[in-house]
Amino acid sequence: MGLRVLAWLMTGMNEERGDVPGWVLIVLMTSALVVAIWGVARGRLVAIVETALNTVCGSLGC
C-alpha cells in the first residue's frame, strides 16, 4: 500500500506542476504596482494608517 501512495504522489506532482513563469510574472507585476503606488501615495497612506490606529487604540498607546 505504501508504494501505491508513493506512486500516486509522484504522478500527481508531475501532472500538476503549474505555470511557473506565469506566477513569477504575476508576482513581479504585483510587486511593481505596490512599489509604484507606495512611491506616489506614501504620505497619504501613512496618514491613513496612523489615523486608523489612533482611532482604534485611542489613549492606550498601541
N, C-alpha and C. Protein backbone atom coordinates (compact mmCIF):
# COMPACT_ATOMS: atom_id res chain seq x y z
N MET A 1 0.83 -1.20 0.00
CA MET A 1 0.00 0.00 0.00
C MET A 1 0.87 1.26 0.00
N GLY A 2 1.99 1.23 0.69
CA GLY A 2 2.87 2.38 0.74
C GLY A 2 3.41 2.75 -0.63
N LEU A 3 3.69 1.74 -1.45
CA LEU A 3 4.19 2.01 -2.80
C LEU A 3 3.12 2.64 -3.67
N ARG A 4 1.88 2.24 -3.47
CA ARG A 4 0.78 2.85 -4.25
C ARG A 4 0.64 4.33 -3.92
N VAL A 5 0.72 4.64 -2.64
CA VAL A 5 0.62 6.05 -2.23
C VAL A 5 1.78 6.84 -2.80
N LEU A 6 2.97 6.27 -2.72
CA LEU A 6 4.15 6.95 -3.25
C LEU A 6 4.02 7.16 -4.76
N ALA A 7 3.56 6.14 -5.47
CA ALA A 7 3.37 6.25 -6.92
C ALA A 7 2.30 7.30 -7.24
N TRP A 8 1.24 7.33 -6.46
CA TRP A 8 0.18 8.32 -6.68
C TRP A 8 0.71 9.73 -6.45
N LEU A 9 1.51 9.91 -5.40
CA LEU A 9 2.07 11.22 -5.13
C LEU A 9 3.03 11.65 -6.24
N MET A 10 3.83 10.73 -6.71
CA MET A 10 4.79 11.05 -7.77
C MET A 10 4.08 11.45 -9.06
N THR A 11 3.04 10.73 -9.45
CA THR A 11 2.33 11.08 -10.68
C THR A 11 1.53 12.35 -10.49
N GLY A 12 0.99 12.56 -9.30
CA GLY A 12 0.23 13.78 -9.04
C GLY A 12 1.10 15.01 -9.11
N MET A 13 2.32 14.90 -8.60
CA MET A 13 3.23 16.04 -8.63
C MET A 13 3.68 16.37 -10.05
N ASN A 14 3.87 15.35 -10.86
CA ASN A 14 4.32 15.58 -12.23
C ASN A 14 3.22 16.17 -13.10
N GLU A 15 1.98 15.80 -12.86
CA GLU A 15 0.88 16.26 -13.69
C GLU A 15 0.45 17.69 -13.37
N GLU A 16 0.63 18.14 -12.15
CA GLU A 16 0.12 19.44 -11.74
C GLU A 16 1.25 20.37 -11.31
N ARG A 17 2.16 20.60 -12.20
CA ARG A 17 3.29 21.46 -11.86
C ARG A 17 2.92 22.93 -11.92
N GLY A 18 1.95 23.27 -12.71
CA GLY A 18 1.51 24.65 -12.79
C GLY A 18 2.31 25.45 -13.80
N ASP A 19 1.97 26.70 -13.89
CA ASP A 19 2.60 27.61 -14.84
C ASP A 19 3.54 28.52 -14.07
N VAL A 20 4.76 28.05 -13.83
CA VAL A 20 5.70 28.80 -13.01
C VAL A 20 6.03 30.16 -13.62
N PRO A 21 6.37 30.26 -14.90
CA PRO A 21 6.65 31.59 -15.44
C PRO A 21 5.48 32.56 -15.31
N GLY A 22 4.26 32.04 -15.42
CA GLY A 22 3.09 32.90 -15.24
C GLY A 22 3.00 33.43 -13.83
N TRP A 23 3.25 32.57 -12.84
CA TRP A 23 3.19 33.02 -11.45
C TRP A 23 4.31 34.01 -11.14
N VAL A 24 5.48 33.78 -11.71
CA VAL A 24 6.58 34.72 -11.50
C VAL A 24 6.21 36.08 -12.06
N LEU A 25 5.62 36.10 -13.24
CA LEU A 25 5.21 37.36 -13.85
C LEU A 25 4.16 38.06 -13.00
N ILE A 26 3.20 37.32 -12.48
CA ILE A 26 2.17 37.91 -11.62
C ILE A 26 2.78 38.52 -10.37
N VAL A 27 3.71 37.80 -9.74
CA VAL A 27 4.35 38.30 -8.52
C VAL A 27 5.16 39.56 -8.83
N LEU A 28 5.91 39.55 -9.91
CA LEU A 28 6.71 40.73 -10.26
C LEU A 28 5.84 41.93 -10.59
N MET A 29 4.76 41.72 -11.33
CA MET A 29 3.88 42.83 -11.68
C MET A 29 3.17 43.38 -10.44
N THR A 30 2.74 42.50 -9.54
CA THR A 30 2.10 42.95 -8.32
C THR A 30 3.07 43.75 -7.46
N SER A 31 4.30 43.26 -7.35
CA SER A 31 5.32 43.98 -6.59
C SER A 31 5.59 45.35 -7.19
N ALA A 32 5.66 45.42 -8.50
CA ALA A 32 5.89 46.70 -9.16
C ALA A 32 4.75 47.67 -8.91
N LEU A 33 3.51 47.16 -8.93
CA LEU A 33 2.36 48.03 -8.63
C LEU A 33 2.41 48.55 -7.20
N VAL A 34 2.75 47.68 -6.26
CA VAL A 34 2.83 48.11 -4.86
C VAL A 34 3.90 49.18 -4.69
N VAL A 35 5.06 48.98 -5.29
CA VAL A 35 6.14 49.97 -5.18
C VAL A 35 5.72 51.29 -5.83
N ALA A 36 5.07 51.22 -6.98
CA ALA A 36 4.64 52.45 -7.66
C ALA A 36 3.60 53.20 -6.85
N ILE A 37 2.62 52.48 -6.33
CA ILE A 37 1.57 53.13 -5.52
C ILE A 37 2.17 53.70 -4.25
N TRP A 38 3.06 52.95 -3.62
CA TRP A 38 3.70 53.43 -2.39
C TRP A 38 4.52 54.70 -2.68
N GLY A 39 5.22 54.72 -3.80
CA GLY A 39 6.02 55.89 -4.14
C GLY A 39 5.18 57.13 -4.37
N VAL A 40 4.01 56.97 -4.95
CA VAL A 40 3.15 58.11 -5.26
C VAL A 40 2.38 58.57 -4.03
N ALA A 41 1.87 57.63 -3.25
CA ALA A 41 0.91 57.98 -2.19
C ALA A 41 1.43 57.68 -0.79
N ARG A 42 2.74 57.68 -0.60
CA ARG A 42 3.30 57.29 0.71
C ARG A 42 2.77 58.16 1.85
N GLY A 43 2.83 59.45 1.69
CA GLY A 43 2.41 60.35 2.76
C GLY A 43 0.96 60.15 3.16
N ARG A 44 0.11 60.03 2.17
CA ARG A 44 -1.33 59.84 2.44
C ARG A 44 -1.60 58.49 3.08
N LEU A 45 -0.92 57.44 2.60
CA LEU A 45 -1.12 56.10 3.18
C LEU A 45 -0.66 56.05 4.63
N VAL A 46 0.45 56.69 4.93
CA VAL A 46 0.93 56.73 6.32
C VAL A 46 -0.07 57.47 7.19
N ALA A 47 -0.61 58.57 6.70
CA ALA A 47 -1.59 59.33 7.47
C ALA A 47 -2.86 58.51 7.71
N ILE A 48 -3.30 57.76 6.71
CA ILE A 48 -4.50 56.93 6.86
C ILE A 48 -4.27 55.86 7.93
N VAL A 49 -3.12 55.20 7.88
CA VAL A 49 -2.83 54.14 8.86
C VAL A 49 -2.70 54.72 10.26
N GLU A 50 -2.02 55.85 10.38
CA GLU A 50 -1.87 56.47 11.71
C GLU A 50 -3.22 56.89 12.27
N THR A 51 -4.08 57.46 11.44
CA THR A 51 -5.41 57.86 11.89
C THR A 51 -6.22 56.64 12.33
N ALA A 52 -6.15 55.57 11.56
CA ALA A 52 -6.89 54.35 11.91
C ALA A 52 -6.38 53.77 13.22
N LEU A 53 -5.06 53.72 13.40
CA LEU A 53 -4.51 53.18 14.65
C LEU A 53 -4.86 54.05 15.84
N ASN A 54 -4.82 55.37 15.66
CA ASN A 54 -5.19 56.26 16.75
C ASN A 54 -6.66 56.13 17.11
N THR A 55 -7.50 55.90 16.13
CA THR A 55 -8.93 55.70 16.38
C THR A 55 -9.17 54.42 17.15
N VAL A 56 -8.49 53.35 16.78
CA VAL A 56 -8.67 52.06 17.43
C VAL A 56 -8.03 52.05 18.81
N CYS A 57 -6.82 52.53 18.91
CA CYS A 57 -6.07 52.44 20.16
C CYS A 57 -6.44 53.55 21.14
N GLY A 58 -6.75 54.71 20.63
CA GLY A 58 -7.07 55.83 21.50
C GLY A 58 -5.88 56.19 22.37
N SER A 59 -6.12 56.25 23.67
CA SER A 59 -5.05 56.62 24.60
C SER A 59 -4.30 55.41 25.13
N LEU A 60 -4.56 54.24 24.60
CA LEU A 60 -3.87 53.03 25.06
C LEU A 60 -2.41 53.01 24.63
N GLY A 61 -2.09 53.72 23.59
CA GLY A 61 -0.71 53.77 23.12
C GLY A 61 -0.26 52.50 22.43
N CYS A 62 -1.11 51.96 21.58
CA CYS A 62 -0.75 50.72 20.86
C CYS A 62 0.44 51.00 20.03
